């Protein structure tokens, strides 16, 4: 009976991990499609127009080429961001706590909020655990950045007997779950 229960728990965990991986793949594909899909074609078309403009108005062509160059630099930043999202280099270089601190610092730089990260206990995680903790905190900080208007943010990571607990708090404005749109409250339509 115990072996069957363990096997069932293992199957459930494997299914959960597979589902999480698939959701992450879908998210990445949406980002690649939305942010990068049309861009190379548009840049190619603009370069063709510039070729024609070179014969007619070199100053206008030069301005267009400068704009295209800036656009390409922006796309390079987006690509680097997507690569970072696959597995942030900071996880390997700084560990999960350092990577979380880096995200909190970025939030502070972008919003002016004071972000404090604390940890307690022996936070020893496998690769999946590191990524999970990082992604949960990253999503919380993104939500705070986009919606909360907070000036103070606290991230506390605690290791205990039952695993790792992550608590993210802020002093921003919240929402009433009953009044939130379906995509926020978890009620209603599929996303």
Protein backbone atom coordinates (compact mmCIF):
# COMPACT_ATOMS: atom_id res chain seq x y z
CA UNK A 1 0.00 0.00 0.00
CA UNK A 2 2.83 2.41 0.85
CA UNK A 3 4.57 1.65 -2.45
CA UNK A 4 1.36 2.40 -4.36
CA UNK A 5 0.94 5.69 -2.51
CA UNK A 6 4.53 6.69 -3.27
CA UNK A 7 4.13 5.73 -6.93
CA UNK A 8 0.91 7.79 -7.13
CA UNK A 9 2.61 10.78 -5.48
CA UNK A 10 5.54 10.45 -7.89
CA UNK A 11 3.19 10.34 -10.89
CA UNK A 12 1.35 13.43 -9.60
CA UNK A 13 4.60 15.33 -9.12
CA UNK A 14 5.83 14.32 -12.58
CA UNK A 15 2.52 15.46 -14.10
CA UNK A 16 2.75 18.76 -12.22
CA UNK A 17 6.33 19.36 -13.41
CA UNK A 18 5.37 18.48 -16.99
CA UNK A 19 2.42 20.86 -16.84
CA UNK A 20 4.60 23.66 -15.44
CA UNK A 21 7.19 23.08 -18.16
CA UNK A 22 4.52 23.16 -20.85
CA UNK A 23 3.04 26.38 -19.47
CA UNK A 24 6.51 27.95 -19.47
CA UNK A 25 7.05 26.85 -23.09
CA UNK A 26 3.73 28.40 -24.10
CA UNK A 27 4.62 31.64 -22.33
CA UNK A 28 7.99 31.79 -24.07
CA UNK A 29 6.44 31.03 -27.47
CA UNK A 30 3.89 33.83 -26.96
CA UNK A 31 6.68 36.25 -26.08
CA UNK A 32 8.80 35.21 -29.04
CA UNK A 33 5.80 35.46 -31.36
CA UNK A 34 4.58 38.80 -30.00
CA UNK A 35 7.91 40.54 -29.51
CA UNK A 36 10.15 39.09 -32.18
CA UNK A 37 7.99 37.45 -34.83
CA UNK A 38 7.10 40.44 -37.01
CA UNK A 39 10.29 42.39 -36.34
CA UNK A 40 12.80 40.82 -38.77
CA UNK A 41 10.33 41.04 -41.66
CA UNK A 42 9.56 44.68 -40.86
CA UNK A 43 13.26 45.52 -40.64
CA UNK A 44 13.87 43.80 -43.99
CA UNK A 45 11.11 45.86 -45.61
CA UNK A 46 12.49 49.08 -44.15
CA UNK A 47 15.95 48.27 -45.51
CA UNK A 48 14.44 47.76 -49.00
CA UNK A 49 12.79 51.17 -48.73
CA UNK A 50 16.12 52.69 -47.66
CA UNK A 51 17.80 51.31 -50.77
CA UNK A 52 15.30 53.18 -52.89
CA UNK A 53 15.60 56.29 -50.73
CA UNK A 54 19.40 56.32 -51.16
CA UNK A 55 18.91 57.26 -54.82
CA UNK A 56 16.37 59.97 -54.03
CA UNK A 57 17.12 61.45 -50.59
CA UNK A 58 20.28 60.33 -48.80
CA UNK A 59 19.49 62.33 -45.64
CA UNK A 60 16.12 60.61 -45.23
CA UNK A 61 17.73 57.25 -45.94
CA UNK A 62 20.41 57.95 -43.32
CA UNK A 63 17.72 58.84 -40.75
CA UNK A 64 15.84 55.62 -41.55
CA UNK A 65 19.01 53.54 -41.21
CA UNK A 66 19.72 55.12 -37.81
CA UNK A 67 16.18 54.27 -36.74
CA UNK A 68 16.60 50.69 -38.01
CA UNK A 69 19.87 50.40 -36.09
CA UNK A 70 18.13 51.52 -32.89
CA UNK A 71 15.33 49.05 -33.57
CA UNK A 72 17.82 46.20 -33.98
CA UNK A 73 19.50 47.14 -30.69
CA UNK A 74 16.09 46.97 -29.00
CA UNK A 75 15.43 43.54 -30.48
CA UNK A 76 18.81 42.33 -29.25
CA UNK A 77 17.83 43.44 -25.73
CA UNK A 78 14.52 41.56 -26.08
CA UNK A 79 16.31 38.42 -27.26
CA UNK A 80 18.73 38.63 -24.34
CA UNK A 81 15.75 39.03 -22.02
CA UNK A 82 14.10 35.94 -23.46
CA UNK A 83 17.33 33.98 -23.12
CA UNK A 84 17.60 35.20 -19.54
CA UNK A 85 14.04 34.02 -18.91
CA UNK A 86 14.89 30.48 -20.02
CA UNK A 87 17.33 30.07 -17.13
CA UNK A 88 18.64 33.23 -15.60
CA UNK A 89 22.43 33.24 -15.52
CA UNK A 90 22.18 34.76 -12.04
CA UNK A 91 20.81 31.44 -10.71
CA UNK A 92 24.04 29.72 -11.70
CA UNK A 93 26.34 32.59 -10.76
CA UNK A 94 24.68 33.84 -7.55
CA UNK A 95 22.44 30.96 -6.46
CA UNK A 96 18.71 31.32 -5.87
CA UNK A 97 19.00 33.84 -3.04
CA UNK A 98 21.43 36.04 -4.98
CA UNK A 99 19.23 35.87 -8.08
CA UNK A 100 16.19 36.89 -6.02
CA UNK A 101 18.17 39.77 -4.52
CA UNK A 102 19.13 40.87 -8.03
CA UNK A 103 15.45 40.91 -9.06
CA UNK A 104 14.56 42.93 -5.96
CA UNK A 105 17.34 45.42 -6.71
CA UNK A 106 16.06 45.77 -10.26
CA UNK A 107 12.57 46.48 -8.93
CA UNK A 108 14.02 49.16 -6.66
CA UNK A 109 15.94 50.77 -9.52
CA UNK A 110 12.91 50.76 -11.81
CA UNK A 111 10.27 51.94 -9.33
CA UNK A 112 12.14 53.60 -6.48
CA UNK A 113 10.64 51.09 -4.04
CA UNK A 114 12.79 49.86 -1.19
CA UNK A 115 13.06 46.10 -1.63
CA UNK A 116 14.44 43.95 1.19
CA UNK A 117 15.26 40.25 0.81
CA UNK A 118 15.82 38.05 3.84
CA UNK A 119 16.40 34.35 4.27
CA UNK A 120 16.53 31.90 7.13
CA UNK A 121 17.36 28.23 7.47
CA UNK A 122 19.31 25.98 5.15
CA UNK A 123 17.87 26.77 1.72
CA UNK A 124 19.20 23.81 -0.24
CA UNK A 125 17.23 23.30 -3.45
CA UNK A 126 17.54 21.15 -6.54
CA UNK A 127 17.52 22.79 -9.98
CA UNK A 128 13.73 22.65 -10.27
CA UNK A 129 13.33 24.08 -6.77
CA UNK A 130 15.72 26.95 -7.52
CA UNK A 131 13.85 27.82 -10.69
CA UNK A 132 10.49 27.54 -8.97
CA UNK A 133 11.45 29.86 -6.11
CA UNK A 134 13.02 32.32 -8.55
CA UNK A 135 9.99 32.32 -10.89
CA UNK A 136 7.49 32.73 -8.05
CA UNK A 137 9.39 35.71 -6.66
CA UNK A 138 9.94 37.14 -10.15
CA UNK A 139 6.21 36.97 -10.91
CA UNK A 140 5.32 38.55 -7.57
CA UNK A 141 7.79 41.39 -8.16
CA UNK A 142 6.47 41.88 -11.70
CA UNK A 143 2.93 42.14 -10.32
CA UNK A 144 4.08 44.65 -7.72
CA UNK A 145 5.88 46.66 -10.43
CA UNK A 146 2.83 46.65 -12.72
CA UNK A 147 -0.05 47.00 -10.29
CA UNK A 148 0.77 47.76 -6.65
CA UNK A 149 2.47 51.15 -6.67
CA UNK A 150 4.41 50.00 -3.59
CA UNK A 151 7.21 51.93 -1.92
CA UNK A 152 8.29 49.05 0.34
CA UNK A 153 8.64 45.39 -0.66
CA UNK A 154 9.75 42.48 1.48
CA UNK A 155 10.78 39.03 0.27
CA UNK A 156 11.38 36.39 2.92
CA UNK A 157 12.58 32.91 2.04
CA UNK A 158 12.51 30.39 4.89
CA UNK A 159 13.62 26.78 4.94
CA UNK A 160 11.75 24.54 7.32
CA UNK A 161 10.90 20.93 8.02
CA UNK A 162 8.35 20.81 5.22
CA UNK A 163 10.37 22.62 2.55
CA UNK A 164 10.91 26.22 1.52
CA UNK A 165 8.37 28.96 2.13
CA UNK A 166 8.43 32.21 0.15
CA UNK A 167 6.56 35.26 1.44
CA UNK A 168 6.40 38.44 -0.67
CA UNK A 169 4.73 41.47 0.89
CA UNK A 170 4.35 45.08 -0.15
CA UNK A 171 2.68 48.26 1.04
CA UNK A 172 1.02 48.98 -2.30
CA UNK A 173 -2.65 49.10 -3.04
CA UNK A 174 -4.30 45.74 -3.39
CA UNK A 175 -7.60 44.55 -4.81
CA UNK A 176 -10.68 42.77 -3.60
CA UNK A 177 -10.73 39.26 -5.12
CA UNK A 178 -14.50 39.45 -5.66
CA UNK A 179 -14.06 42.67 -7.66
CA UNK A 180 -11.04 41.57 -9.70
CA UNK A 181 -11.30 40.62 -13.37
CA UNK A 182 -11.52 36.86 -14.00
CA UNK A 183 -7.90 36.62 -15.10
CA UNK A 184 -6.73 38.04 -11.74
CA UNK A 185 -9.15 36.38 -9.36
CA UNK A 186 -8.91 32.96 -10.97
CA UNK A 187 -12.65 32.97 -11.61
CA UNK A 188 -14.12 32.59 -15.02
CA UNK A 189 -12.60 32.25 -18.47
CA UNK A 190 -9.56 30.34 -19.46
CA UNK A 191 -6.34 32.12 -20.25
